[in-house]
Amino acid sequence: MTEKREFLRKTSFRPNRFFYMVVNQKLNTVNTENFHQRFM
């Protein structure tokens, strides 16, 4: 029971982290695009 819970915790944690990284990347690209548009 404990092992299964631990496994679920890890597997649910990894995609969340990946999703967070992807969102961060998108925000960064949008910010840089806005920055370039403003100063070009």
N, C-alpha and C. Protein backbone atom coordinates (compact mmCIF):
# COMPACT_ATOMS: atom_id res chain seq x y z
N MET A 1 0.83 -1.20 0.00
CA MET A 1 0.00 0.00 0.00
C MET A 1 0.87 1.26 0.00
N THR A 2 1.84 1.28 0.88
CA THR A 2 2.71 2.45 0.97
C THR A 2 3.51 2.63 -0.32
N GLU A 3 4.02 1.52 -0.86
CA GLU A 3 4.81 1.61 -2.10
C GLU A 3 3.96 2.15 -3.24
N LYS A 4 2.74 1.66 -3.32
CA LYS A 4 1.87 2.13 -4.40
C LYS A 4 1.61 3.63 -4.26
N ARG A 5 1.37 4.07 -3.05
CA ARG A 5 1.11 5.50 -2.84
C ARG A 5 2.35 6.32 -3.21
N GLU A 6 3.50 5.82 -2.81
CA GLU A 6 4.76 6.50 -3.13
C GLU A 6 4.94 6.58 -4.65
N PHE A 7 4.64 5.49 -5.31
CA PHE A 7 4.75 5.44 -6.77
C PHE A 7 3.81 6.46 -7.42
N LEU A 8 2.58 6.50 -6.96
CA LEU A 8 1.61 7.45 -7.51
C LEU A 8 2.06 8.88 -7.27
N ARG A 9 2.60 9.13 -6.11
CA ARG A 9 3.07 10.47 -5.78
C ARG A 9 4.18 10.88 -6.75
N LYS A 10 5.11 9.98 -7.01
CA LYS A 10 6.22 10.30 -7.92
C LYS A 10 5.74 10.49 -9.35
N THR A 11 4.87 9.60 -9.81
CA THR A 11 4.42 9.70 -11.20
C THR A 11 3.56 10.93 -11.42
N SER A 12 2.79 11.32 -10.42
CA SER A 12 1.97 12.52 -10.59
C SER A 12 2.83 13.77 -10.47
N PHE A 13 3.94 13.64 -9.78
CA PHE A 13 4.84 14.79 -9.60
C PHE A 13 5.61 15.09 -10.88
N ARG A 14 6.05 14.07 -11.57
CA ARG A 14 6.87 14.30 -12.77
C ARG A 14 6.15 15.06 -13.88
N PRO A 15 4.96 14.63 -14.30
CA PRO A 15 4.27 15.39 -15.35
C PRO A 15 3.98 16.82 -14.93
N ASN A 16 3.66 17.01 -13.65
CA ASN A 16 3.41 18.37 -13.17
C ASN A 16 4.64 19.23 -13.37
N ARG A 17 5.77 18.67 -13.03
CA ARG A 17 7.01 19.42 -13.17
C ARG A 17 7.28 19.72 -14.65
N PHE A 18 7.06 18.73 -15.49
CA PHE A 18 7.26 18.91 -16.92
C PHE A 18 6.31 19.98 -17.46
N PHE A 19 5.05 19.91 -17.04
CA PHE A 19 4.06 20.89 -17.46
C PHE A 19 4.47 22.29 -17.03
N TYR A 20 4.96 22.39 -15.81
CA TYR A 20 5.41 23.68 -15.29
C TYR A 20 6.56 24.24 -16.12
N MET A 21 7.47 23.36 -16.51
CA MET A 21 8.61 23.79 -17.34
C MET A 21 8.10 24.29 -18.70
N VAL A 22 7.17 23.58 -19.30
CA VAL A 22 6.63 23.97 -20.60
C VAL A 22 5.94 25.33 -20.50
N VAL A 23 5.15 25.51 -19.46
CA VAL A 23 4.45 26.79 -19.28
C VAL A 23 5.46 27.92 -19.09
N ASN A 24 6.49 27.64 -18.30
CA ASN A 24 7.52 28.66 -18.10
C ASN A 24 8.17 29.03 -19.42
N GLN A 25 8.47 28.03 -20.22
CA GLN A 25 9.10 28.26 -21.52
C GLN A 25 8.21 29.13 -22.40
N LYS A 26 6.92 28.82 -22.42
CA LYS A 26 5.98 29.60 -23.22
C LYS A 26 5.94 31.03 -22.75
N LEU A 27 5.87 31.22 -21.43
CA LEU A 27 5.83 32.58 -20.88
C LEU A 27 7.10 33.33 -21.25
N ASN A 28 8.22 32.65 -21.18
CA ASN A 28 9.49 33.30 -21.53
C ASN A 28 9.51 33.74 -22.97
N THR A 29 9.06 32.89 -23.87
CA THR A 29 9.08 33.25 -25.29
C THR A 29 8.12 34.41 -25.55
N VAL A 30 6.96 34.39 -24.93
CA VAL A 30 6.00 35.48 -25.11
C VAL A 30 6.59 36.77 -24.58
N ASN A 31 7.23 36.72 -23.44
CA ASN A 31 7.82 37.92 -22.87
C ASN A 31 8.91 38.48 -23.77
N THR A 32 9.77 37.63 -24.31
CA THR A 32 10.84 38.12 -25.17
C THR A 32 10.26 38.70 -26.46
N GLU A 33 9.20 38.08 -26.99
CA GLU A 33 8.58 38.61 -28.20
C GLU A 33 8.01 40.00 -27.94
N ASN A 34 7.33 40.15 -26.83
CA ASN A 34 6.78 41.47 -26.48
C ASN A 34 7.89 42.48 -26.31
N PHE A 35 8.95 42.05 -25.68
CA PHE A 35 10.10 42.92 -25.47
C PHE A 35 10.67 43.40 -26.79
N HIS A 36 10.84 42.47 -27.74
CA HIS A 36 11.39 42.84 -29.05
C HIS A 36 10.44 43.76 -29.80
N GLN A 37 9.16 43.48 -29.72
CA GLN A 37 8.21 44.32 -30.43
C GLN A 37 8.23 45.75 -29.88
N ARG A 38 8.38 45.86 -28.58
CA ARG A 38 8.37 47.18 -27.97
C ARG A 38 9.60 48.00 -28.37
N PHE A 39 10.74 47.32 -28.50
CA PHE A 39 11.98 48.06 -28.69
C PHE A 39 12.53 48.00 -30.11
N MET A 40 11.77 47.41 -31.01
CA MET A 40 12.24 47.36 -32.40
C MET A 40 11.61 48.51 -33.20
